[in-house]
Amino acid sequence: MPLRLNPRKLLLSKWTAVQPRNKEKHFIVTRLLLPEDPAQPITEVELEAVYSRRSQVIAWQTLTDATLWRQGWQ
């Protein structure tokens, strides 16, 4: 069963990378990237690595892929 997420409730949620790189395993959603047209859905979020503070922008749907991400810190 695929993970169901509401993109508007992702802010400050915690995620664990299934295959960590550069000691970056734990992440927090620090920002929702809102579309210019408020009627359009959110498509991207900003993730920040807890270890390095490096940020990256990803499509929020990527977080539903269990081969890449686990919800929470594990």
N, C-alpha and C. Protein backbone atom coordinates (compact mmCIF):
# COMPACT_ATOMS: atom_id res chain seq x y z
N MET A 1 0.84 -1.19 0.00
CA MET A 1 0.00 0.00 0.00
C MET A 1 0.88 1.24 0.00
N PRO A 2 0.72 2.13 -0.97
CA PRO A 2 1.57 3.32 -1.04
C PRO A 2 1.24 4.30 0.10
N LEU A 3 2.26 5.03 0.50
CA LEU A 3 2.11 6.03 1.55
C LEU A 3 1.27 7.19 1.02
N ARG A 4 0.25 7.57 1.77
CA ARG A 4 -0.60 8.70 1.36
C ARG A 4 -0.20 9.92 2.17
N LEU A 5 0.08 11.00 1.48
CA LEU A 5 0.51 12.23 2.13
C LEU A 5 -0.31 13.41 1.65
N ASN A 6 -0.53 14.36 2.54
CA ASN A 6 -1.13 15.63 2.17
C ASN A 6 0.02 16.63 2.11
N PRO A 7 0.33 17.19 0.93
CA PRO A 7 1.50 18.07 0.83
C PRO A 7 1.43 19.29 1.75
N ARG A 8 0.25 19.75 2.08
CA ARG A 8 0.12 20.93 2.95
C ARG A 8 0.46 20.60 4.41
N LYS A 9 0.54 19.33 4.76
CA LYS A 9 0.85 18.94 6.13
C LYS A 9 2.28 18.41 6.28
N LEU A 10 3.10 18.59 5.26
CA LEU A 10 4.47 18.07 5.29
C LEU A 10 5.46 18.97 6.03
N LEU A 11 5.12 20.24 6.22
CA LEU A 11 6.06 21.17 6.84
C LEU A 11 6.52 20.64 8.20
N LEU A 12 7.82 20.62 8.41
CA LEU A 12 8.51 20.15 9.62
C LEU A 12 8.39 18.64 9.85
N SER A 13 7.93 17.91 8.84
CA SER A 13 7.91 16.45 8.98
C SER A 13 9.33 15.90 8.85
N LYS A 14 9.56 14.73 9.45
CA LYS A 14 10.89 14.13 9.50
C LYS A 14 10.95 12.92 8.57
N TRP A 15 12.11 12.76 7.91
CA TRP A 15 12.29 11.69 6.93
C TRP A 15 13.66 11.07 7.06
N THR A 16 13.74 9.78 6.76
CA THR A 16 15.00 9.05 6.77
C THR A 16 15.28 8.55 5.36
N ALA A 17 16.47 8.84 4.86
CA ALA A 17 16.88 8.35 3.55
C ALA A 17 17.19 6.86 3.66
N VAL A 18 16.67 6.07 2.73
CA VAL A 18 16.92 4.62 2.74
C VAL A 18 18.39 4.34 2.43
N GLN A 19 18.96 5.12 1.52
CA GLN A 19 20.38 4.96 1.16
C GLN A 19 21.10 6.29 1.42
N PRO A 20 21.56 6.51 2.66
CA PRO A 20 22.21 7.78 3.01
C PRO A 20 23.47 8.03 2.18
N ARG A 21 23.72 9.29 1.90
CA ARG A 21 24.94 9.71 1.20
C ARG A 21 25.58 10.84 1.99
N ASN A 22 26.90 10.84 2.07
CA ASN A 22 27.66 11.88 2.77
C ASN A 22 27.19 12.06 4.21
N LYS A 23 26.89 10.96 4.89
CA LYS A 23 26.42 10.96 6.28
C LYS A 23 25.07 11.66 6.44
N GLU A 24 24.39 11.94 5.33
CA GLU A 24 23.08 12.58 5.39
C GLU A 24 22.00 11.50 5.36
N LYS A 25 21.42 11.26 6.52
CA LYS A 25 20.41 10.21 6.65
C LYS A 25 19.06 10.80 7.07
N HIS A 26 19.10 11.75 8.00
CA HIS A 26 17.88 12.33 8.54
C HIS A 26 17.62 13.71 7.94
N PHE A 27 16.37 13.95 7.59
CA PHE A 27 15.97 15.19 6.93
C PHE A 27 14.70 15.75 7.54
N ILE A 28 14.53 17.06 7.40
CA ILE A 28 13.31 17.75 7.83
C ILE A 28 12.80 18.57 6.65
N VAL A 29 11.49 18.56 6.44
CA VAL A 29 10.88 19.43 5.42
C VAL A 29 10.84 20.83 6.03
N THR A 30 11.62 21.76 5.47
CA THR A 30 11.72 23.10 6.04
C THR A 30 10.87 24.13 5.33
N ARG A 31 10.39 23.78 4.11
CA ARG A 31 9.61 24.78 3.37
C ARG A 31 8.74 24.08 2.34
N LEU A 32 7.52 24.59 2.18
CA LEU A 32 6.65 24.16 1.09
C LEU A 32 6.78 25.21 0.00
N LEU A 33 7.07 24.80 -1.21
CA LEU A 33 7.21 25.75 -2.30
C LEU A 33 5.84 25.93 -2.94
N LEU A 34 5.22 27.06 -2.63
CA LEU A 34 3.86 27.32 -3.09
C LEU A 34 3.86 27.82 -4.53
N PRO A 35 2.91 27.36 -5.33
CA PRO A 35 2.83 27.83 -6.71
C PRO A 35 2.37 29.29 -6.75
N GLU A 36 2.68 29.98 -7.84
CA GLU A 36 2.25 31.38 -7.98
C GLU A 36 0.74 31.49 -7.97
N ASP A 37 0.06 30.53 -8.58
CA ASP A 37 -1.39 30.51 -8.60
C ASP A 37 -1.87 29.67 -7.40
N PRO A 38 -2.50 30.29 -6.40
CA PRO A 38 -2.93 29.55 -5.21
C PRO A 38 -3.90 28.41 -5.50
N ALA A 39 -4.53 28.43 -6.65
CA ALA A 39 -5.47 27.36 -7.01
C ALA A 39 -4.73 26.10 -7.44
N GLN A 40 -3.44 26.21 -7.75
CA GLN A 40 -2.65 25.07 -8.19
C GLN A 40 -2.12 24.31 -6.98
N PRO A 41 -1.92 23.00 -7.11
CA PRO A 41 -1.41 22.22 -5.98
C PRO A 41 0.08 22.44 -5.74
N ILE A 42 0.50 22.16 -4.53
CA ILE A 42 1.93 22.19 -4.17
C ILE A 42 2.60 21.03 -4.89
N THR A 43 3.75 21.30 -5.52
CA THR A 43 4.46 20.23 -6.22
C THR A 43 5.83 19.95 -5.63
N GLU A 44 6.40 20.93 -4.90
CA GLU A 44 7.77 20.75 -4.40
C GLU A 44 7.89 21.18 -2.93
N VAL A 45 8.86 20.55 -2.26
CA VAL A 45 9.20 20.91 -0.88
C VAL A 45 10.71 21.03 -0.78
N GLU A 46 11.16 21.73 0.25
CA GLU A 46 12.59 21.85 0.52
C GLU A 46 12.92 20.95 1.72
N LEU A 47 13.90 20.07 1.52
CA LEU A 47 14.38 19.18 2.58
C LEU A 47 15.73 19.68 3.06
N GLU A 48 15.93 19.64 4.38
CA GLU A 48 17.23 20.01 4.93
C GLU A 48 17.80 18.83 5.69
N ALA A 49 19.06 18.51 5.39
CA ALA A 49 19.75 17.43 6.09
C ALA A 49 20.09 17.90 7.50
N VAL A 50 19.79 17.08 8.49
CA VAL A 50 20.05 17.43 9.88
C VAL A 50 21.56 17.51 10.14
N TYR A 51 22.32 16.60 9.58
CA TYR A 51 23.76 16.53 9.82
C TYR A 51 24.52 17.71 9.22
N SER A 52 24.25 18.01 7.95
CA SER A 52 25.06 19.01 7.24
C SER A 52 24.35 20.34 7.02
N ARG A 53 23.05 20.38 7.25
CA ARG A 53 22.22 21.57 6.97
C ARG A 53 22.09 21.87 5.48
N ARG A 54 22.54 20.95 4.63
CA ARG A 54 22.39 21.14 3.19
C ARG A 54 20.92 21.01 2.82
N SER A 55 20.45 21.91 1.96
CA SER A 55 19.05 21.89 1.53
C SER A 55 18.96 21.42 0.09
N GLN A 56 17.83 20.78 -0.20
CA GLN A 56 17.55 20.37 -1.58
C GLN A 56 16.05 20.48 -1.81
N VAL A 57 15.68 20.79 -3.04
CA VAL A 57 14.27 20.89 -3.41
C VAL A 57 13.92 19.62 -4.17
N ILE A 58 12.83 18.98 -3.75
CA ILE A 58 12.38 17.77 -4.42
C ILE A 58 10.87 17.83 -4.64
N ALA A 59 10.39 17.04 -5.57
CA ALA A 59 8.95 16.88 -5.74
C ALA A 59 8.43 16.13 -4.51
N TRP A 60 7.40 16.63 -3.87
CA TRP A 60 6.94 16.01 -2.62
C TRP A 60 6.50 14.57 -2.83
N GLN A 61 6.05 14.21 -4.04
CA GLN A 61 5.61 12.85 -4.31
C GLN A 61 6.76 11.85 -4.16
N THR A 62 8.00 12.31 -4.29
CA THR A 62 9.17 11.46 -4.12
C THR A 62 9.18 10.82 -2.73
N LEU A 63 8.64 11.53 -1.74
CA LEU A 63 8.64 11.03 -0.37
C LEU A 63 7.75 9.80 -0.20
N THR A 64 6.87 9.54 -1.15
CA THR A 64 6.00 8.35 -1.06
C THR A 64 6.70 7.09 -1.59
N ASP A 65 7.90 7.24 -2.15
CA ASP A 65 8.65 6.10 -2.69
C ASP A 65 9.42 5.41 -1.56
N ALA A 66 8.94 4.25 -1.14
CA ALA A 66 9.53 3.52 -0.01
C ALA A 66 10.94 3.02 -0.30
N THR A 67 11.35 3.01 -1.57
CA THR A 67 12.72 2.61 -1.87
C THR A 67 13.71 3.75 -1.63
N LEU A 68 13.19 4.97 -1.44
CA LEU A 68 14.04 6.14 -1.22
C LEU A 68 13.90 6.74 0.18
N TRP A 69 12.67 6.77 0.71
CA TRP A 69 12.39 7.48 1.96
C TRP A 69 11.54 6.66 2.90
N ARG A 70 11.76 6.87 4.22
CA ARG A 70 10.93 6.34 5.29
C ARG A 70 10.45 7.53 6.12
N GLN A 71 9.18 7.53 6.48
CA GLN A 71 8.67 8.62 7.29
C GLN A 71 9.18 8.48 8.72
N GLY A 72 9.58 9.59 9.32
CA GLY A 72 10.15 9.60 10.67
C GLY A 72 11.64 9.37 10.62
N TRP A 73 12.27 9.38 11.80
CA TRP A 73 13.71 9.13 11.90
C TRP A 73 13.91 7.73 12.41
N GLN A 74 14.60 6.94 11.62
CA GLN A 74 14.80 5.54 11.97
C GLN A 74 16.25 5.19 12.01
